[in-house]
Amino acid sequence: MKRRDVIKNLSALPLAGAVLPLDSALDSQPRRGESAQPREIDILLKGGHVIDPKNNIDGIMDVAVKDGKIARVERNINSTDVAQIVNATGMYVTPGLIDTHTHVFVGSEQCFADGWLSIPPDYISLKAGITTMVDVGCSGWRNFALFKRNVIDRSSTRVLAFLNIAGDGMKGNELLAVGGVPTEEDMNDMSAQMTANAIRQHSGIIVGVKVGHFRNPIWTPFDRALEACEIANVPLFLECNLPQWPLDEILKRLRKGDIYAHTFFSGAKGVLDENGILKDSVIQARNKGVLFDLGHGNGMFHFDIAIKALAQGFKPDTFGSDLHRPSVMGSMRSMIETMSKFLNMGMSISEIINIATWSSAQAIGRPDLGNLSVGSEADIAVINERKGNFGFLDTRNQRLQADRRLDAEMTIRAGRIVWDLNGMAGSNL
């Protein structure tokens, strides 16, 4: 073989440790232990504690997967004609988790849009039981096609998006300013109609509109984002790091189904007043149907606020992690780590799974996700609750002493095992 042919063949190989897309040619190969003959069931998860809030299931069940879909959820499914049996005894079997607040438009620029501050979704999601991630505002109508081509279409994780009202998304720092105006603050490039057009063109992938990182006191970006939402009939996602807009006014303007992010942090935009009591405007907003996203991030989650809010019955509607490069390396780490924090602050596992699955699916207008209904795509997380001596940090370096931690033992995406922490699907030597 000639040298140039060797180089060509080597260049076609996947990188070590890379997660291949589900439509990879490798997917056509039989799974471990699978015969060439079709079986009645492809994967059977036996004896796990199934939590499926949509279908009011909370107990010991088996889950059968066939042709990438949920085939059966029943007690004691016969295992005589099964390609792969997984013993899930002592573990929770749940719908694939949904992270509603991420930044995954990764690239080479010094920003979030096509930038190195974002992070490839598959490197974090699958090993944390997350099968769906929602990028929040990294792309706008001008560069969504690039985001889709470079990230969405190449990821095993299902990647959805809130589209930024700014045409170029999160390229808003001064180093990338055009004519002295950071691009994310250029109101000349905030088109409600073009944003709505992009949403209609990519219906189901783009799930809403995001506004944030705008420092001018006028309400033009909010108004245009809301106009785009009304044209396309999608929710607005608003980050609270907007010092110029009063919280009471923000919450008054938000509609039922709109999402307010970065819920549990101290300061003027947090949900508690100076006495640690839920603000009246927060209570009124929740009563009219405004949703509250966790938005942990690298600076926006404080244990003392969360504990006081939970004691008053105020829980997040979604566990959005605010995933990006700094938060992964900081105290956030992944959404399942955040779920562990709430478990140790007193929330039940059933409440936590509901927020991470069915509640999140409804918030993004994708009721086909976040459930184990027969016929739905087989996105499944197998979660182990470990007991021991653990510690968790918030973004002010406050430590929560804990005795429980949630780990994703296995992740199944569209009927394929894509993460197997302890080799449960492997063959014994």
Protein backbone atom coordinates (compact mmCIF):
# COMPACT_ATOMS: atom_id res chain seq x y z
CA MET A 1 0.00 0.00 0.00
CA LYS A 2 1.30 3.44 -0.89
CA ARG A 3 2.07 5.94 1.86
CA ARG A 4 -0.61 8.38 0.75
CA ASP A 5 -3.21 5.56 0.90
CA VAL A 6 -2.16 4.70 4.46
CA ILE A 7 -2.53 8.35 5.50
CA LYS A 8 -5.91 8.54 3.80
CA ASN A 9 -7.12 5.40 5.59
CA LEU A 10 -5.83 6.61 8.97
CA SER A 11 -7.52 9.99 8.57
CA ALA A 12 -10.86 8.26 8.15
CA LEU A 13 -10.65 6.62 11.58
CA PRO A 14 -12.54 8.18 14.54
CA LEU A 15 -10.53 9.96 17.18
CA ALA A 16 -9.85 7.97 20.32
CA GLY A 17 -12.66 8.48 22.81
CA ALA A 18 -14.90 10.24 20.29
CA VAL A 19 -18.66 9.62 20.49
CA LEU A 20 -19.91 8.75 17.04
CA PRO A 21 -23.29 10.06 15.83
CA LEU A 22 -26.12 7.58 16.04
CA ASP A 23 -26.38 7.32 12.27
CA SER A 24 -22.74 6.23 12.05
CA ALA A 25 -21.94 3.25 9.88
CA LEU A 26 -20.84 1.51 13.09
CA ASP A 27 -24.46 1.48 14.19
CA SER A 28 -25.22 -1.16 11.60
CA GLN A 29 -22.97 -3.65 13.42
CA PRO A 30 -24.55 -6.14 15.88
CA ARG A 31 -24.33 -5.20 19.53
CA ARG A 32 -22.36 -7.29 21.99
CA GLY A 33 -24.10 -10.61 22.58
CA GLU A 34 -26.59 -10.01 19.75
CA SER A 35 -27.17 -12.72 17.16
CA ALA A 36 -27.76 -12.05 13.50
CA GLN A 37 -31.40 -13.12 13.88
CA PRO A 38 -33.89 -10.40 14.92
CA ARG A 39 -35.20 -10.78 18.46
CA GLU A 40 -38.52 -9.78 19.96
CA ILE A 41 -36.74 -7.31 22.26
CA ASP A 42 -33.44 -5.52 21.60
CA ILE A 43 -32.75 -4.33 25.17
CA LEU A 44 -34.57 -5.40 28.32
CA LEU A 45 -33.96 -3.46 31.53
CA LYS A 46 -34.95 -5.82 34.33
CA GLY A 47 -36.07 -5.05 37.86
CA GLY A 48 -35.32 -1.34 38.07
CA HIS A 49 -37.36 1.26 39.94
CA VAL A 50 -39.07 3.01 37.02
CA ILE A 51 -40.01 6.65 37.48
CA ASP A 52 -42.05 8.03 34.58
CA PRO A 53 -44.02 11.06 35.81
CA LYS A 54 -46.01 11.52 32.58
CA ASN A 55 -47.48 8.04 32.90
CA ASN A 56 -47.72 8.04 36.72
CA ILE A 57 -45.30 5.12 37.05
CA ASP A 58 -43.21 4.95 40.22
CA GLY A 59 -42.28 1.39 41.10
CA ILE A 60 -40.43 -1.80 40.14
CA MET A 61 -40.91 -2.48 36.44
CA ASP A 62 -39.14 -3.87 33.38
CA VAL A 63 -38.60 -1.71 30.29
CA ALA A 64 -38.30 -3.27 26.84
CA VAL A 65 -36.75 -1.52 23.83
CA LYS A 66 -37.27 -2.57 20.22
CA ASP A 67 -36.17 -0.77 17.03
CA GLY A 68 -35.18 2.35 18.94
CA LYS A 69 -38.58 2.71 20.63
CA ILE A 70 -40.10 1.92 24.00
CA ALA A 71 -41.89 -1.38 23.39
CA ARG A 72 -43.24 -2.30 26.84
CA VAL A 73 -43.16 -1.08 30.44
CA GLU A 74 -44.52 -3.87 32.60
CA ARG A 75 -43.76 -6.13 35.52
CA ASN A 76 -41.79 -9.31 34.79
CA ILE A 77 -41.45 -9.14 31.01
CA ASN A 78 -40.47 -12.54 29.60
CA SER A 79 -36.76 -12.58 28.74
CA THR A 80 -36.54 -15.63 26.48
CA ASP A 81 -36.24 -13.75 23.18
CA VAL A 82 -34.06 -10.77 24.10
CA ALA A 83 -30.83 -9.60 22.47
CA GLN A 84 -29.48 -7.74 25.52
CA ILE A 85 -30.58 -8.04 29.14
CA VAL A 86 -29.51 -5.39 31.67
CA ASN A 87 -30.02 -6.05 35.37
CA ALA A 88 -31.19 -2.70 36.76
CA THR A 89 -32.09 -4.02 40.21
CA GLY A 90 -31.52 -1.39 42.91
CA MET A 91 -31.35 1.43 40.38
CA TYR A 92 -33.75 4.01 39.00
CA VAL A 93 -34.83 3.73 35.37
CA THR A 94 -36.08 7.06 34.06
CA PRO A 95 -36.67 8.90 30.82
CA GLY A 96 -33.51 10.45 29.39
CA LEU A 97 -32.73 13.65 31.29
CA ILE A 98 -33.24 17.06 29.65
CA ASP A 99 -30.84 19.92 30.30
CA THR A 100 -32.78 23.04 29.39
CA HIS A 101 -29.92 25.55 29.72
CA THR A 102 -26.62 24.86 27.96
CA HIS A 103 -24.06 26.54 25.71
CA VAL A 104 -22.85 24.01 23.15
CA PHE A 105 -22.20 26.02 19.97
CA VAL A 106 -18.54 25.10 20.23
CA GLY A 107 -15.92 26.50 17.87
CA SER A 108 -12.72 28.51 17.75
CA GLU A 109 -13.90 32.06 18.43
CA GLN A 110 -13.39 33.85 21.76
CA CYS A 111 -17.06 33.76 22.72
CA PHE A 112 -20.02 31.36 23.05
CA ALA A 113 -21.22 31.49 19.43
CA ASP A 114 -18.97 29.17 17.42
CA GLY A 115 -16.62 29.65 20.36
CA TRP A 116 -14.38 27.94 22.86
CA LEU A 117 -16.47 29.06 25.86
CA SER A 118 -19.09 26.56 24.70
CA ILE A 119 -18.50 22.82 25.05
CA PRO A 120 -19.29 19.79 22.83
CA PRO A 121 -22.53 18.26 24.13
CA ASP A 122 -21.59 14.56 23.91
CA TYR A 123 -18.57 15.00 26.19
CA ILE A 124 -20.84 15.87 29.13
CA SER A 125 -24.38 14.75 28.38
CA LEU A 126 -24.31 11.02 27.79
CA LYS A 127 -22.23 10.10 30.84
CA ALA A 128 -24.66 12.13 32.97
CA GLY A 129 -27.85 10.43 31.74
CA ILE A 130 -28.73 13.47 29.59
CA THR A 131 -30.16 12.66 26.17
CA THR A 132 -31.40 16.15 25.27
CA MET A 133 -29.63 19.48 25.65
CA VAL A 134 -31.07 22.89 24.84
CA ASP A 135 -28.59 25.55 23.78
CA VAL A 136 -29.73 28.90 25.14
CA GLY A 137 -29.03 31.79 22.81
CA CYS A 138 -25.57 30.99 21.47
CA SER A 139 -26.91 31.30 17.93
CA GLY A 140 -29.15 33.85 16.29
CA TRP A 141 -30.99 33.73 12.98
CA ARG A 142 -27.81 34.61 11.06
CA ASN A 143 -25.62 31.77 12.32
CA PHE A 144 -28.08 29.05 13.34
CA ALA A 145 -27.39 27.14 10.11
CA LEU A 146 -23.71 26.95 11.08
CA PHE A 147 -24.64 25.75 14.57
CA LYS A 148 -26.92 23.10 13.12
CA ARG A 149 -24.35 21.88 10.62
CA ASN A 150 -21.35 21.82 12.97
CA VAL A 151 -22.93 20.71 16.26
CA ILE A 152 -26.59 19.65 16.11
CA ASP A 153 -26.28 17.35 13.12
CA ARG A 154 -23.04 15.78 14.38
CA SER A 155 -24.04 15.05 17.97
CA SER A 156 -25.41 11.84 19.44
CA THR A 157 -27.14 14.02 22.03
CA ARG A 158 -30.37 15.57 20.80
CA VAL A 159 -29.57 19.28 20.66
CA LEU A 160 -32.36 21.87 20.58
CA ALA A 161 -32.09 25.65 20.83
CA PHE A 162 -33.52 28.90 22.07
CA LEU A 163 -32.61 31.37 19.34
CA ASN A 164 -31.03 34.64 20.44
CA ILE A 165 -32.88 37.77 19.39
CA ALA A 166 -29.45 39.12 18.39
CA GLY A 167 -28.79 37.99 14.83
CA ASP A 168 -25.31 36.61 15.52
CA GLY A 169 -26.13 35.19 18.94
CA MET A 170 -23.64 35.33 21.77
CA LYS A 171 -20.77 37.16 20.12
CA GLY A 172 -21.38 40.06 22.44
CA ASN A 173 -18.01 40.87 23.94
CA GLU A 174 -16.08 44.01 23.11
CA LEU A 175 -13.35 42.15 21.23
CA LEU A 176 -15.89 41.26 18.57
CA ALA A 177 -17.64 44.63 18.50
CA VAL A 178 -18.74 45.99 15.17
CA GLY A 179 -18.47 49.76 14.94
CA GLY A 180 -17.90 50.00 18.69
CA VAL A 181 -21.15 48.17 19.58
CA PRO A 182 -20.88 44.59 20.91
CA THR A 183 -22.82 42.43 18.46
CA GLU A 184 -25.18 41.05 21.12
CA GLU A 185 -26.22 44.62 21.91
CA ASP A 186 -26.68 45.79 18.32
CA MET A 187 -30.39 46.57 18.17
CA ASN A 188 -30.14 47.06 14.39
CA ASP A 189 -29.63 43.30 14.16
CA MET A 190 -32.56 42.29 16.38
CA SER A 191 -35.26 41.30 13.92
CA ALA A 192 -38.42 39.73 15.28
CA GLN A 193 -39.53 38.62 11.82
CA MET A 194 -36.23 37.02 10.79
CA THR A 195 -36.02 35.27 14.15
CA ALA A 196 -39.57 33.95 13.77
CA ASN A 197 -38.82 32.83 10.21
CA ALA A 198 -35.85 30.78 11.42
CA ILE A 199 -37.99 29.18 14.13
CA ARG A 200 -40.64 28.19 11.60
CA GLN A 201 -37.99 26.79 9.25
CA HIS A 202 -36.58 24.62 12.05
CA SER A 203 -39.75 23.88 13.98
CA GLY A 204 -39.17 21.47 16.84
CA ILE A 205 -35.42 22.11 16.90
CA ILE A 206 -35.66 25.79 17.78
CA VAL A 207 -37.99 25.82 20.78
CA GLY A 208 -38.05 29.50 21.74
CA VAL A 209 -36.31 32.89 21.84
CA LYS A 210 -33.69 34.08 24.33
CA VAL A 211 -32.82 37.59 25.45
CA GLY A 212 -29.97 38.47 27.79
CA HIS A 213 -26.52 40.05 28.09
CA PHE A 214 -27.88 43.46 27.15
CA ARG A 215 -26.86 46.46 29.23
CA ASN A 216 -28.82 49.35 27.72
CA PRO A 217 -31.82 50.39 29.90
CA ILE A 218 -34.34 50.48 27.04
CA TRP A 219 -36.72 47.55 26.55
CA THR A 220 -36.31 47.20 22.78
CA PRO A 221 -34.53 43.77 22.86
CA PHE A 222 -37.16 42.36 25.20
CA ASP A 223 -40.00 43.71 23.08
CA ARG A 224 -38.55 42.34 19.85
CA ALA A 225 -37.84 38.96 21.41
CA LEU A 226 -41.41 38.81 22.70
CA GLU A 227 -42.74 39.82 19.28
CA ALA A 228 -40.79 36.95 17.69
CA CYS A 229 -42.24 34.59 20.30
CA GLU A 230 -45.77 35.70 19.54
CA ILE A 231 -45.29 35.33 15.78
CA ALA A 232 -43.82 31.83 16.12
CA ASN A 233 -45.90 30.79 19.17
CA VAL A 234 -42.93 29.80 21.35
CA PRO A 235 -41.78 30.78 24.87
CA LEU A 236 -39.31 33.50 25.81
CA PHE A 237 -36.23 32.56 27.81
CA LEU A 238 -34.81 35.42 29.84
CA GLU A 239 -31.57 35.40 31.81
CA CYS A 240 -31.68 37.56 34.91
CA ASN A 241 -28.21 39.08 34.49
CA LEU A 242 -29.74 42.27 33.14
CA PRO A 243 -29.01 44.88 35.81
CA GLN A 244 -30.89 47.67 34.08
CA TRP A 245 -34.33 46.01 34.09
CA PRO A 246 -36.12 45.77 37.49
CA LEU A 247 -37.14 42.24 38.46
CA ASP A 248 -40.74 43.20 39.23
CA GLU A 249 -41.14 44.70 35.76
CA ILE A 250 -39.48 41.71 34.07
CA LEU A 251 -41.82 39.26 35.79
CA LYS A 252 -44.84 41.44 35.04
CA ARG A 253 -44.01 41.36 31.31
CA LEU A 254 -43.34 37.63 31.12
CA ARG A 255 -46.24 35.46 29.98
CA LYS A 256 -47.47 32.01 30.95
CA GLY A 257 -44.86 29.51 29.77
CA ASP A 258 -42.03 32.04 29.53
CA ILE A 259 -38.88 31.09 31.44
CA TYR A 260 -36.87 33.13 33.94
CA ALA A 261 -33.36 31.76 34.51
CA HIS A 262 -30.85 31.85 37.39
CA THR A 263 -33.37 31.40 40.15
CA PHE A 264 -31.40 30.70 43.33
CA PHE A 265 -28.83 33.42 43.80
CA SER A 266 -28.62 36.42 46.08
CA GLY A 267 -29.08 39.96 44.89
CA ALA A 268 -31.71 42.19 43.37
CA LYS A 269 -32.63 39.65 40.67
CA GLY A 270 -32.96 36.67 43.03
CA VAL A 271 -36.31 35.28 44.17
CA LEU A 272 -35.88 36.20 47.85
CA ASP A 273 -36.01 39.61 49.47
CA GLU A 274 -33.46 40.91 51.99
CA ASN A 275 -35.29 39.01 54.77
CA GLY A 276 -35.11 35.68 52.94
CA ILE A 277 -38.80 35.72 51.99
CA LEU A 278 -40.14 34.99 48.52
CA LYS A 279 -40.86 38.24 46.71
CA ASP A 280 -44.48 39.03 45.94
CA SER A 281 -43.65 39.50 42.25
CA VAL A 282 -42.13 35.99 42.14
CA ILE A 283 -45.24 34.45 43.71
CA GLN A 284 -47.49 36.36 41.30
CA ALA A 285 -45.37 35.31 38.31
CA ARG A 286 -45.51 31.64 39.29
CA ASN A 287 -49.26 31.86 39.82
CA LYS A 288 -49.74 33.12 36.25
CA GLY A 289 -47.57 30.32 34.84
CA VAL A 290 -44.09 31.84 34.46
CA LEU A 291 -41.47 29.08 34.75
CA PHE A 292 -38.24 29.30 36.73
CA ASP A 293 -35.06 27.64 35.45
CA LEU A 294 -32.26 26.80 37.86
CA GLY A 295 -29.38 28.11 35.71
CA HIS A 296 -26.61 26.99 38.08
CA GLY A 297 -23.68 28.15 35.94
CA ASN A 298 -20.41 29.37 37.36
CA GLY A 299 -21.76 32.13 39.56
CA MET A 300 -25.55 31.96 39.84
CA PHE A 301 -26.40 29.29 42.41
CA HIS A 302 -26.19 29.79 46.19
CA PHE A 303 -27.10 27.11 48.73
CA ASP A 304 -28.41 29.49 51.36
CA ILE A 305 -30.92 30.98 48.90
CA ALA A 306 -32.00 27.58 47.56
CA ILE A 307 -32.52 26.10 51.03
CA LYS A 308 -34.68 29.03 52.15
CA ALA A 309 -36.70 28.99 48.92
CA LEU A 310 -37.29 25.23 49.11
CA ALA A 311 -38.46 25.62 52.70
CA GLN A 312 -41.14 27.99 51.38
CA GLY A 313 -42.26 25.47 48.75
CA PHE A 314 -40.52 27.18 45.84
CA LYS A 315 -38.88 24.61 43.54
CA PRO A 316 -37.42 25.13 40.07
CA ASP A 317 -39.48 24.04 37.06
CA THR A 318 -36.35 22.96 35.19
CA PHE A 319 -32.82 22.02 36.25
CA GLY A 320 -31.01 23.92 33.48
CA SER A 321 -27.30 23.65 34.29
CA ASP A 322 -26.00 26.70 32.38
CA LEU A 323 -23.39 24.38 30.95
CA HIS A 324 -20.27 26.01 29.52
CA ARG A 325 -16.53 25.55 29.84
CA PRO A 326 -16.05 27.48 33.14
CA SER A 327 -19.09 25.92 34.86
CA VAL A 328 -18.04 22.37 33.99
CA MET A 329 -14.66 22.99 35.59
CA GLY A 330 -16.27 24.82 38.52
CA SER A 331 -18.88 23.69 41.04
CA MET A 332 -21.68 22.90 38.56
CA ARG A 333 -20.00 19.99 36.66
CA SER A 334 -23.17 18.50 35.16
CA MET A 335 -26.92 18.56 35.62
CA ILE A 336 -26.97 15.24 37.47
CA GLU A 337 -24.52 16.74 39.98
CA THR A 338 -27.02 19.56 40.50
CA MET A 339 -29.82 17.03 40.94
CA SER A 340 -27.73 15.42 43.68
CA LYS A 341 -27.56 18.76 45.47
CA PHE A 342 -31.34 19.05 45.54
CA LEU A 343 -31.66 15.45 46.73
CA ASN A 344 -29.49 16.38 49.72
CA MET A 345 -31.47 19.57 50.32
CA GLY A 346 -34.57 17.48 50.94
CA MET A 347 -36.34 17.01 47.62
CA SER A 348 -37.59 13.49 46.85
CA ILE A 349 -36.14 11.47 43.99
CA SER A 350 -39.56 11.42 42.30
CA GLU A 351 -39.78 15.24 42.39
CA ILE A 352 -36.26 15.55 41.03
CA ILE A 353 -36.84 13.12 38.16
CA ASN A 354 -40.07 14.90 37.25
CA ILE A 355 -38.27 18.24 37.00
CA ALA A 356 -35.42 16.72 34.98
CA THR A 357 -37.71 14.94 32.51
CA TRP A 358 -41.42 15.56 32.04
CA SER A 359 -41.53 19.10 33.48
CA SER A 360 -38.60 20.08 31.26
CA ALA A 361 -40.16 18.49 28.16
CA GLN A 362 -43.32 20.51 28.69
CA ALA A 363 -41.36 23.71 29.28
CA ILE A 364 -39.68 23.45 25.87
CA GLY A 365 -42.85 22.40 24.06
CA ARG A 366 -41.67 18.87 23.32
CA PRO A 367 -44.15 16.52 25.02
CA ASP A 368 -42.75 13.67 22.93
CA LEU A 369 -39.68 13.77 25.19
CA GLY A 370 -39.17 13.14 28.90
CA ASN A 371 -41.33 10.01 29.13
CA LEU A 372 -41.32 6.25 28.64
CA SER A 373 -44.61 5.97 26.78
CA VAL A 374 -44.89 2.92 24.53
CA GLY A 375 -43.91 3.97 21.01
CA SER A 376 -41.80 6.95 22.08
CA GLU A 377 -38.13 7.17 21.22
CA ALA A 378 -36.11 5.07 23.66
CA ASP A 379 -34.14 7.73 25.54
CA ILE A 380 -33.46 6.23 28.97
CA ALA A 381 -31.27 6.96 31.98
CA VAL A 382 -30.34 4.28 34.52
CA ILE A 383 -29.43 6.14 37.72
CA ASN A 384 -27.70 4.80 40.79
CA GLU A 385 -28.20 6.51 44.16
CA ARG A 386 -24.95 5.99 46.03
CA LYS A 387 -24.72 6.30 49.81
CA GLY A 388 -21.59 7.62 51.46
CA ASN A 389 -19.77 10.74 52.58
CA PHE A 390 -19.93 13.44 49.92
CA GLY A 391 -19.59 17.19 49.61
CA PHE A 392 -21.05 19.65 47.09
CA LEU A 393 -20.13 23.26 46.36
CA ASP A 394 -22.17 26.20 45.18
CA THR A 395 -20.80 29.07 43.13
CA ARG A 396 -19.67 30.98 46.24
CA ASN A 397 -17.63 28.01 47.43
CA GLN A 398 -20.15 27.16 50.16
CA ARG A 399 -20.03 23.43 50.95
CA LEU A 400 -23.03 21.18 51.52
CA GLN A 401 -22.19 18.02 53.48
CA ALA A 402 -24.13 15.15 51.95
CA ASP A 403 -24.70 11.41 52.22
CA ARG A 404 -26.16 10.68 48.76
CA ARG A 405 -25.03 11.15 45.18
CA LEU A 406 -26.72 10.33 41.87
CA ASP A 407 -24.67 8.74 39.10
CA ALA A 408 -25.70 7.72 35.60
CA GLU A 409 -24.91 4.02 35.33
CA MET A 410 -26.22 3.74 31.78
CA THR A 411 -27.61 6.02 29.09
CA ILE A 412 -29.67 4.78 26.17
CA ARG A 413 -30.22 7.20 23.32
CA ALA A 414 -32.72 6.28 20.58
CA GLY A 415 -32.48 2.63 21.58
CA ARG A 416 -28.67 2.42 21.66
CA ILE A 417 -26.51 2.04 24.74
CA VAL A 418 -24.21 5.06 24.54
CA TRP A 419 -22.87 5.10 28.12
CA ASP A 420 -22.24 2.14 30.40
CA LEU A 421 -20.31 3.21 33.50
CA ASN A 422 -19.71 -0.22 35.00
CA GLY A 423 -20.11 -2.40 31.93
CA MET A 424 -23.57 -3.73 32.84
CA ALA A 425 -24.20 -4.62 29.20
CA GLY A 426 -20.86 -6.38 28.81
CA SER A 427 -20.12 -10.09 28.62
CA ASN A 428 -18.49 -11.68 31.66
CA LEU A 429 -15.06 -13.24 31.22
